[in-house]
Amino acid sequence: MKSILQITLRLPEDLAQRLAACTPSRKRNQFVVDLVRRELDRESRELEEAALRLSSLEATHESEDTDWLAFEDEAVSGDEFDEKRFLKELTVRKDKAPKASRAVAA
């Protein structure tokens, strides 16, 4: 059997009332465990998918200079990777690159 750690959660009153209203008292612990597990699994999947997308982008551009990896992310909200914005910025950087360096890459 896996070890169990007991923790205390502090919930806003309205959320605690909703939890109490929709879940029998003896099932609340399992309800919260299932929610936490599902959310953590979702986050792990999203992180793995983002890593795979980045690996794919790196492989696509591996013969090029690695300056394209220096993505300016100060305007990114919520720590989310914006692939469309990234590709747009990559295109702008490639267009600004001197023609000689583009000819070498081709």
N, C-alpha and C. Protein backbone atom coordinates (compact mmCIF):
# COMPACT_ATOMS: atom_id res chain seq x y z
N MET A 1 0.84 -1.19 0.00
CA MET A 1 0.00 0.00 0.00
C MET A 1 0.88 1.25 0.00
N LYS A 2 0.51 2.23 -0.78
CA LYS A 2 1.25 3.49 -0.82
C LYS A 2 1.06 4.24 0.48
N SER A 3 2.12 4.97 0.86
CA SER A 3 1.97 5.78 2.07
C SER A 3 1.04 6.96 1.79
N ILE A 4 0.39 7.39 2.81
CA ILE A 4 -0.59 8.47 2.70
C ILE A 4 -0.10 9.64 3.56
N LEU A 5 -0.12 10.83 2.99
CA LEU A 5 0.20 12.04 3.74
C LEU A 5 -1.09 12.79 3.98
N GLN A 6 -1.26 13.23 5.17
CA GLN A 6 -2.44 14.02 5.49
C GLN A 6 -2.09 15.49 5.36
N ILE A 7 -2.90 16.23 4.63
CA ILE A 7 -2.70 17.66 4.47
C ILE A 7 -3.99 18.38 4.82
N THR A 8 -3.86 19.66 5.09
CA THR A 8 -5.03 20.48 5.35
C THR A 8 -5.20 21.44 4.20
N LEU A 9 -6.38 21.48 3.64
CA LEU A 9 -6.69 22.43 2.57
C LEU A 9 -7.57 23.54 3.13
N ARG A 10 -7.28 24.73 2.71
CA ARG A 10 -8.13 25.87 3.08
C ARG A 10 -8.84 26.30 1.81
N LEU A 11 -10.15 26.25 1.86
CA LEU A 11 -10.96 26.60 0.70
C LEU A 11 -11.79 27.83 1.00
N PRO A 12 -12.01 28.66 0.00
CA PRO A 12 -12.95 29.76 0.18
C PRO A 12 -14.31 29.18 0.59
N GLU A 13 -15.05 29.92 1.40
CA GLU A 13 -16.30 29.41 1.94
C GLU A 13 -17.27 28.94 0.87
N ASP A 14 -17.41 29.72 -0.20
CA ASP A 14 -18.35 29.33 -1.26
C ASP A 14 -17.94 28.01 -1.92
N LEU A 15 -16.65 27.80 -2.11
CA LEU A 15 -16.17 26.57 -2.71
C LEU A 15 -16.37 25.38 -1.77
N ALA A 16 -16.10 25.59 -0.49
CA ALA A 16 -16.31 24.53 0.51
C ALA A 16 -17.79 24.15 0.58
N GLN A 17 -18.67 25.13 0.48
CA GLN A 17 -20.10 24.84 0.51
C GLN A 17 -20.54 24.05 -0.72
N ARG A 18 -19.99 24.42 -1.86
CA ARG A 18 -20.32 23.68 -3.09
C ARG A 18 -19.82 22.24 -3.02
N LEU A 19 -18.60 22.06 -2.49
CA LEU A 19 -18.05 20.71 -2.33
C LEU A 19 -18.93 19.88 -1.39
N ALA A 20 -19.32 20.48 -0.28
CA ALA A 20 -20.17 19.78 0.69
C ALA A 20 -21.54 19.44 0.08
N ALA A 21 -22.06 20.31 -0.73
CA ALA A 21 -23.39 20.10 -1.32
C ALA A 21 -23.39 19.00 -2.39
N CYS A 22 -22.29 18.86 -3.11
CA CYS A 22 -22.28 17.91 -4.23
C CYS A 22 -21.61 16.59 -3.91
N THR A 23 -20.96 16.47 -2.74
CA THR A 23 -20.21 15.25 -2.43
C THR A 23 -20.54 14.77 -1.02
N PRO A 24 -20.92 13.51 -0.87
CA PRO A 24 -21.16 12.98 0.48
C PRO A 24 -19.89 13.09 1.33
N SER A 25 -20.04 13.34 2.61
CA SER A 25 -18.88 13.60 3.48
C SER A 25 -17.84 12.48 3.44
N ARG A 26 -18.23 11.26 3.34
CA ARG A 26 -17.27 10.14 3.33
C ARG A 26 -16.61 9.95 1.97
N LYS A 27 -17.04 10.69 0.98
CA LYS A 27 -16.46 10.57 -0.36
C LYS A 27 -15.66 11.81 -0.78
N ARG A 28 -15.62 12.81 0.06
CA ARG A 28 -14.94 14.07 -0.30
C ARG A 28 -13.45 13.87 -0.51
N ASN A 29 -12.82 13.11 0.34
CA ASN A 29 -11.38 12.90 0.20
C ASN A 29 -11.06 12.31 -1.17
N GLN A 30 -11.76 11.25 -1.55
CA GLN A 30 -11.50 10.61 -2.84
C GLN A 30 -11.83 11.55 -3.99
N PHE A 31 -12.86 12.36 -3.82
CA PHE A 31 -13.23 13.35 -4.83
C PHE A 31 -12.07 14.32 -5.07
N VAL A 32 -11.48 14.83 -4.00
CA VAL A 32 -10.36 15.77 -4.11
C VAL A 32 -9.14 15.06 -4.68
N VAL A 33 -8.85 13.85 -4.24
CA VAL A 33 -7.72 13.07 -4.77
C VAL A 33 -7.86 12.91 -6.28
N ASP A 34 -9.05 12.53 -6.73
CA ASP A 34 -9.28 12.34 -8.17
C ASP A 34 -9.10 13.64 -8.95
N LEU A 35 -9.60 14.75 -8.41
CA LEU A 35 -9.44 16.04 -9.08
C LEU A 35 -7.97 16.44 -9.20
N VAL A 36 -7.24 16.30 -8.11
CA VAL A 36 -5.82 16.68 -8.11
C VAL A 36 -5.04 15.78 -9.08
N ARG A 37 -5.29 14.48 -9.01
CA ARG A 37 -4.58 13.56 -9.91
C ARG A 37 -4.88 13.89 -11.37
N ARG A 38 -6.14 14.12 -11.70
CA ARG A 38 -6.53 14.43 -13.08
C ARG A 38 -5.86 15.71 -13.57
N GLU A 39 -5.84 16.74 -12.72
CA GLU A 39 -5.23 18.02 -13.12
C GLU A 39 -3.71 17.88 -13.29
N LEU A 40 -3.05 17.17 -12.38
CA LEU A 40 -1.60 16.99 -12.50
C LEU A 40 -1.26 16.15 -13.73
N ASP A 41 -2.06 15.13 -14.03
CA ASP A 41 -1.84 14.34 -15.24
C ASP A 41 -2.01 15.20 -16.48
N ARG A 42 -3.02 16.08 -16.48
CA ARG A 42 -3.25 16.97 -17.63
C ARG A 42 -2.06 17.90 -17.83
N GLU A 43 -1.57 18.47 -16.74
CA GLU A 43 -0.41 19.36 -16.84
C GLU A 43 0.81 18.62 -17.37
N SER A 44 1.02 17.40 -16.91
CA SER A 44 2.16 16.59 -17.39
C SER A 44 2.04 16.33 -18.89
N ARG A 45 0.83 15.99 -19.34
CA ARG A 45 0.63 15.74 -20.78
C ARG A 45 0.90 17.00 -21.59
N GLU A 46 0.41 18.15 -21.12
CA GLU A 46 0.62 19.41 -21.84
C GLU A 46 2.11 19.74 -21.91
N LEU A 47 2.83 19.52 -20.83
CA LEU A 47 4.27 19.79 -20.82
C LEU A 47 5.00 18.86 -21.78
N GLU A 48 4.61 17.61 -21.79
CA GLU A 48 5.23 16.65 -22.70
C GLU A 48 4.95 17.02 -24.15
N GLU A 49 3.72 17.42 -24.45
CA GLU A 49 3.36 17.82 -25.82
C GLU A 49 4.15 19.05 -26.24
N ALA A 50 4.32 20.01 -25.34
CA ALA A 50 5.09 21.22 -25.66
C ALA A 50 6.55 20.86 -25.92
N ALA A 51 7.10 19.95 -25.13
CA ALA A 51 8.49 19.53 -25.33
C ALA A 51 8.64 18.83 -26.68
N LEU A 52 7.67 18.01 -27.05
CA LEU A 52 7.73 17.34 -28.34
C LEU A 52 7.64 18.34 -29.50
N ARG A 53 6.75 19.35 -29.35
CA ARG A 53 6.65 20.39 -30.40
C ARG A 53 7.97 21.16 -30.53
N LEU A 54 8.57 21.50 -29.39
CA LEU A 54 9.85 22.23 -29.43
C LEU A 54 10.94 21.36 -30.05
N SER A 55 10.98 20.08 -29.69
CA SER A 55 11.97 19.17 -30.29
C SER A 55 11.78 19.10 -31.80
N SER A 56 10.54 19.07 -32.23
CA SER A 56 10.25 19.03 -33.66
C SER A 56 10.73 20.31 -34.35
N LEU A 57 10.48 21.46 -33.71
CA LEU A 57 10.95 22.73 -34.27
C LEU A 57 12.48 22.76 -34.33
N GLU A 58 13.12 22.27 -33.28
CA GLU A 58 14.59 22.24 -33.26
C GLU A 58 15.11 21.36 -34.38
N ALA A 59 14.49 20.20 -34.58
CA ALA A 59 14.93 19.29 -35.64
C ALA A 59 14.74 19.91 -37.01
N THR A 60 13.65 20.65 -37.19
CA THR A 60 13.37 21.30 -38.46
C THR A 60 14.44 22.34 -38.79
N HIS A 61 14.97 22.99 -37.76
CA HIS A 61 15.91 24.09 -37.97
C HIS A 61 17.31 23.77 -37.46
N GLU A 62 17.66 22.48 -37.33
CA GLU A 62 18.93 22.14 -36.70
C GLU A 62 20.15 22.59 -37.50
N SER A 63 20.02 22.74 -38.81
CA SER A 63 21.16 23.17 -39.62
C SER A 63 21.35 24.68 -39.58
N GLU A 64 20.40 25.39 -39.00
CA GLU A 64 20.48 26.85 -38.94
C GLU A 64 21.18 27.30 -37.66
N ASP A 65 21.48 28.56 -37.63
CA ASP A 65 22.00 29.18 -36.42
C ASP A 65 20.99 29.03 -35.30
N THR A 66 21.43 28.88 -34.07
CA THR A 66 20.52 28.66 -32.96
C THR A 66 19.96 29.96 -32.38
N ASP A 67 20.18 31.10 -33.02
CA ASP A 67 19.61 32.36 -32.52
C ASP A 67 18.09 32.32 -32.46
N TRP A 68 17.48 31.50 -33.29
CA TRP A 68 16.01 31.43 -33.29
C TRP A 68 15.47 30.90 -31.97
N LEU A 69 16.32 30.23 -31.19
CA LEU A 69 15.88 29.71 -29.90
C LEU A 69 15.74 30.82 -28.85
N ALA A 70 16.32 31.97 -29.09
CA ALA A 70 16.28 33.08 -28.13
C ALA A 70 14.97 33.83 -28.26
N PHE A 71 13.90 33.15 -28.03
CA PHE A 71 12.55 33.70 -28.16
C PHE A 71 12.31 34.73 -27.07
N GLU A 72 11.87 35.90 -27.47
CA GLU A 72 11.56 36.96 -26.52
C GLU A 72 10.19 36.67 -25.93
N ASP A 73 10.12 36.35 -24.65
CA ASP A 73 8.85 35.91 -24.08
C ASP A 73 8.26 36.87 -23.06
N GLU A 74 8.70 38.13 -23.03
CA GLU A 74 8.18 39.01 -22.00
C GLU A 74 6.69 39.28 -22.14
N ALA A 75 6.12 39.11 -23.33
CA ALA A 75 4.69 39.40 -23.53
C ALA A 75 3.81 38.14 -23.41
N VAL A 76 4.42 36.99 -23.11
CA VAL A 76 3.66 35.76 -23.00
C VAL A 76 2.88 35.77 -21.69
N SER A 77 1.58 35.50 -21.77
CA SER A 77 0.76 35.54 -20.57
C SER A 77 0.50 34.13 -20.05
N GLY A 78 0.47 33.98 -18.74
CA GLY A 78 0.12 32.72 -18.12
C GLY A 78 1.13 31.62 -18.33
N ASP A 79 2.37 31.96 -18.67
CA ASP A 79 3.42 30.98 -18.88
C ASP A 79 3.07 29.94 -19.94
N GLU A 80 2.23 30.30 -20.88
CA GLU A 80 1.85 29.38 -21.94
C GLU A 80 2.73 29.62 -23.15
N PHE A 81 3.19 28.56 -23.80
CA PHE A 81 3.98 28.67 -25.01
C PHE A 81 3.03 28.94 -26.17
N ASP A 82 3.25 30.03 -26.86
CA ASP A 82 2.40 30.42 -27.99
C ASP A 82 3.13 30.06 -29.28
N GLU A 83 2.82 28.89 -29.82
CA GLU A 83 3.54 28.39 -30.98
C GLU A 83 3.36 29.30 -32.20
N LYS A 84 2.15 29.83 -32.41
CA LYS A 84 1.92 30.71 -33.56
C LYS A 84 2.79 31.96 -33.46
N ARG A 85 2.82 32.55 -32.25
CA ARG A 85 3.64 33.76 -32.06
C ARG A 85 5.12 33.44 -32.25
N PHE A 86 5.53 32.28 -31.74
CA PHE A 86 6.92 31.86 -31.88
C PHE A 86 7.30 31.73 -33.35
N LEU A 87 6.47 31.04 -34.13
CA LEU A 87 6.77 30.85 -35.55
C LEU A 87 6.76 32.17 -36.31
N LYS A 88 5.86 33.08 -35.92
CA LYS A 88 5.82 34.40 -36.55
C LYS A 88 7.12 35.15 -36.27
N GLU A 89 7.56 35.13 -35.01
CA GLU A 89 8.81 35.81 -34.66
C GLU A 89 10.00 35.17 -35.36
N LEU A 90 9.98 33.86 -35.49
CA LEU A 90 11.04 33.16 -36.20
C LEU A 90 11.12 33.62 -37.65
N THR A 91 9.96 33.75 -38.29
CA THR A 91 9.91 34.20 -39.68
C THR A 91 10.45 35.62 -39.80
N VAL A 92 10.07 36.50 -38.87
CA VAL A 92 10.56 37.88 -38.89
C VAL A 92 12.07 37.90 -38.75
N ARG A 93 12.60 37.10 -37.84
CA ARG A 93 14.06 37.06 -37.64
C ARG A 93 14.77 36.54 -38.88
N LYS A 94 14.19 35.53 -39.52
CA LYS A 94 14.81 34.99 -40.73
C LYS A 94 14.81 36.04 -41.84
N ASP A 95 13.71 36.82 -41.93
CA ASP A 95 13.63 37.86 -42.95
C ASP A 95 14.63 38.97 -42.71
N LYS A 96 14.94 39.23 -41.43
CA LYS A 96 15.89 40.28 -41.09
C LYS A 96 17.34 39.82 -41.21
N ALA A 97 17.57 38.50 -41.27
CA ALA A 97 18.93 37.97 -41.34
C ALA A 97 19.59 38.43 -42.64
N PRO A 98 20.91 38.69 -42.59
CA PRO A 98 21.61 39.09 -43.81
C PRO A 98 21.46 38.02 -44.89
N LYS A 99 21.39 38.45 -46.15
CA LYS A 99 21.17 37.53 -47.25
C LYS A 99 22.29 36.51 -47.34
N ALA A 100 23.51 36.87 -47.03
CA ALA A 100 24.63 35.94 -47.11
C ALA A 100 24.44 34.77 -46.17
N SER A 101 23.98 35.03 -44.93
CA SER A 101 23.79 33.92 -43.99
C SER A 101 22.63 33.04 -44.40
N ARG A 102 21.60 33.62 -45.05
CA ARG A 102 20.48 32.81 -45.53
C ARG A 102 20.93 31.91 -46.70
N ALA A 103 21.83 32.45 -47.54
CA ALA A 103 22.31 31.66 -48.68
C ALA A 103 23.12 30.47 -48.19
N VAL A 104 23.89 30.64 -47.10
CA VAL A 104 24.68 29.54 -46.55
C VAL A 104 23.76 28.46 -46.01
N ALA A 105 22.66 28.86 -45.38
CA ALA A 105 21.71 27.91 -44.78
C ALA A 105 20.97 27.12 -45.85
N ALA A 106 20.80 27.69 -47.04
CA ALA A 106 20.02 27.03 -48.09
C ALA A 106 20.75 25.94 -48.79
